[in-house]
Amino acid sequence: MDDEDRFYVRYYIGHKGKFGHEYLEFEVKKDGLLRYANQTNYKGEKIIKKEVYCSKVILDELKKIVDESQVLSADDDKWPEPDKVGRQELEIVSGNEHISFVTTKIGSLLDTKDSQDPEGMTNFYYLVQDLKALVFACMDMHFKIKPI
């Protein structure tokens, strides 16, 4: 496989608390496979796991969202470390670039402004919102589920 063709995105957000390990995770692979998992034990809920193949159009849009976010040039060294509130992880492989970010949960855009790297965290925040919107739209179209 040519390095320029490589593409992969994985996002995780979660915490361990009163109801155990609760998280949302998804990954998109180069072949279009989208895997989604949502685990909560609130009121005895069970884990939701779904897989679907996305078209080239969806993959191209995903690549465009990542490229336009400018997050590939960001560095998480000055971002808050994961804490008791939780953690988020974002891994992206795009062509020759491979990045991986780990930080605490971001409750709102205001949280990014108070960080040591407000521009990088703001780009990260908006990218995550865009990725989640696209993934939820794909899942909703295929399975008619409502994310928590």
Protein backbone atom coordinates (compact mmCIF):
# COMPACT_ATOMS: atom_id res chain seq x y z
CA MET A 1 0.00 0.00 0.00
CA ASP A 2 1.32 3.44 -0.95
CA ASP A 3 1.84 5.71 2.09
CA GLU A 4 -0.21 8.46 0.44
CA ASP A 5 -3.26 6.15 0.46
CA ARG A 6 -3.15 5.43 4.19
CA PHE A 7 -6.12 6.70 6.19
CA TYR A 8 -7.47 5.88 9.63
CA VAL A 9 -9.35 7.81 12.34
CA ARG A 10 -10.11 6.65 15.88
CA TYR A 11 -11.81 8.68 18.60
CA TYR A 12 -12.48 7.71 22.21
CA ILE A 13 -14.03 9.66 25.06
CA GLY A 14 -14.78 8.10 28.41
CA HIS A 15 -14.48 7.96 32.16
CA LYS A 16 -14.73 5.52 35.04
CA GLY A 17 -17.28 6.51 37.63
CA LYS A 18 -20.37 5.55 39.55
CA PHE A 19 -21.69 3.41 36.69
CA GLY A 20 -18.34 1.80 35.77
CA HIS A 21 -16.43 2.43 32.54
CA GLU A 22 -18.61 4.57 30.28
CA TYR A 23 -17.37 5.58 26.87
CA LEU A 24 -18.04 6.42 23.25
CA GLU A 25 -15.60 5.20 20.62
CA PHE A 26 -15.50 5.04 16.86
CA GLU A 27 -12.99 4.28 14.18
CA VAL A 28 -12.98 4.63 10.42
CA LYS A 29 -10.62 2.58 8.28
CA LYS A 30 -9.35 3.19 4.76
CA ASP A 31 -11.68 0.52 3.32
CA GLY A 32 -14.69 2.46 4.67
CA LEU A 33 -15.38 0.29 7.72
CA LEU A 34 -16.92 2.44 10.46
CA ARG A 35 -17.05 0.84 13.90
CA TYR A 36 -19.06 2.50 16.67
CA ALA A 37 -19.36 1.57 20.35
CA ASN A 38 -21.23 3.32 23.14
CA GLN A 39 -21.02 1.84 26.65
CA THR A 40 -23.03 3.06 29.58
CA ASN A 41 -24.31 1.15 32.57
CA TYR A 42 -26.79 3.86 33.53
CA LYS A 43 -30.13 2.24 34.38
CA GLY A 44 -28.75 -1.14 33.29
CA GLU A 45 -28.14 -0.10 29.68
CA LYS A 46 -26.11 -2.47 27.53
CA ILE A 47 -23.27 -1.63 25.19
CA ILE A 48 -24.21 -0.52 21.68
CA LYS A 49 -21.86 -1.81 18.98
CA LYS A 50 -22.43 -1.15 15.29
CA GLU A 51 -20.42 -1.59 12.12
CA VAL A 52 -21.13 -0.20 8.69
CA TYR A 53 -19.21 0.37 5.48
CA CYS A 54 -19.14 3.97 4.25
CA SER A 55 -18.93 5.03 0.63
CA LYS A 56 -15.96 6.77 -0.96
CA VAL A 57 -17.94 10.04 -0.80
CA ILE A 58 -18.16 9.77 3.02
CA LEU A 59 -14.46 8.88 3.27
CA ASP A 60 -13.53 11.83 1.06
CA GLU A 61 -15.61 14.15 3.26
CA LEU A 62 -13.97 12.73 6.38
CA LYS A 63 -10.50 13.34 4.89
CA LYS A 64 -11.55 16.88 3.96
CA ILE A 65 -12.79 17.57 7.50
CA VAL A 66 -9.50 16.34 8.96
CA ASP A 67 -7.37 18.30 6.47
CA GLU A 68 -9.29 21.54 6.92
CA SER A 69 -9.16 21.30 10.72
CA GLN A 70 -5.40 21.94 10.73
CA VAL A 71 -5.17 19.53 13.67
CA LEU A 72 -2.42 17.56 11.90
CA SER A 73 -0.04 20.40 12.76
CA ALA A 74 -1.12 20.59 16.43
CA ASP A 75 0.81 19.32 19.45
CA ASP A 76 -0.88 18.16 22.65
CA ASP A 77 2.13 18.78 24.93
CA LYS A 78 0.47 21.85 26.45
CA TRP A 79 -3.02 20.34 26.67
CA PRO A 80 -4.50 19.24 30.00
CA GLU A 81 -3.75 15.64 30.97
CA PRO A 82 -6.62 13.17 31.42
CA ASP A 83 -8.06 13.38 34.92
CA LYS A 84 -10.97 12.14 37.03
CA VAL A 85 -13.36 13.95 34.67
CA GLY A 86 -12.25 11.60 31.91
CA ARG A 87 -10.10 11.36 28.83
CA GLN A 88 -10.36 11.74 25.10
CA GLU A 89 -8.10 10.23 22.50
CA LEU A 90 -7.86 11.01 18.80
CA GLU A 91 -5.64 9.07 16.43
CA ILE A 92 -5.33 10.00 12.77
CA VAL A 93 -3.29 8.41 10.01
CA SER A 94 -3.42 10.41 6.81
CA GLY A 95 -0.87 9.72 4.10
CA ASN A 96 2.58 9.96 5.65
CA GLU A 97 1.31 11.62 8.84
CA HIS A 98 0.36 9.76 12.02
CA ILE A 99 -0.78 11.74 15.06
CA SER A 100 -2.23 10.77 18.38
CA PHE A 101 -3.73 13.16 20.94
CA VAL A 102 -4.70 12.48 24.54
CA THR A 103 -6.35 15.06 26.78
CA THR A 104 -9.06 15.47 29.38
CA LYS A 105 -12.72 15.77 28.44
CA ILE A 106 -13.63 19.16 27.04
CA GLY A 107 -17.02 20.22 28.37
CA SER A 108 -17.40 23.29 26.19
CA LEU A 109 -15.51 25.65 23.94
CA LEU A 110 -14.81 27.78 27.03
CA ASP A 111 -12.55 25.01 28.36
CA THR A 112 -10.28 25.38 25.33
CA LYS A 113 -9.77 29.11 25.91
CA ASP A 114 -8.30 28.48 29.38
CA SER A 115 -5.66 26.02 28.14
CA GLN A 116 -2.00 26.78 27.44
CA ASP A 117 -2.68 26.14 23.73
CA PRO A 118 -6.11 27.66 23.02
CA GLU A 119 -5.73 27.59 19.22
CA GLY A 120 -4.72 23.92 19.06
CA MET A 121 -7.40 22.84 21.52
CA THR A 122 -10.05 24.87 19.71
CA ASN A 123 -9.13 23.16 16.42
CA PHE A 124 -9.28 19.80 18.21
CA TYR A 125 -12.66 20.65 19.78
CA TYR A 126 -14.24 21.64 16.46
CA LEU A 127 -12.76 18.64 14.65
CA VAL A 128 -14.20 16.27 17.26
CA GLN A 129 -17.63 17.94 16.96
CA ASP A 130 -17.52 17.56 13.16
CA LEU A 131 -16.36 13.93 13.34
CA LYS A 132 -19.07 13.01 15.84
CA ALA A 133 -21.74 14.71 13.73
CA LEU A 134 -20.67 12.76 10.64
CA VAL A 135 -20.46 9.45 12.50
CA PHE A 136 -23.83 9.95 14.21
CA ALA A 137 -25.40 10.85 10.86
CA CYS A 138 -24.02 7.67 9.26
CA MET A 139 -25.19 5.53 12.18
CA ASP A 140 -28.61 7.16 12.20
CA MET A 141 -29.06 6.63 8.46
CA HIS A 142 -28.16 2.96 8.72
CA PHE A 143 -29.55 1.93 12.08
CA LYS A 144 -31.93 4.64 13.33
CA ILE A 145 -30.23 4.87 16.73
CA LYS A 146 -30.03 7.98 18.85
CA PRO A 147 -26.64 8.72 20.47
CA ILE A 148 -26.55 9.59 24.14
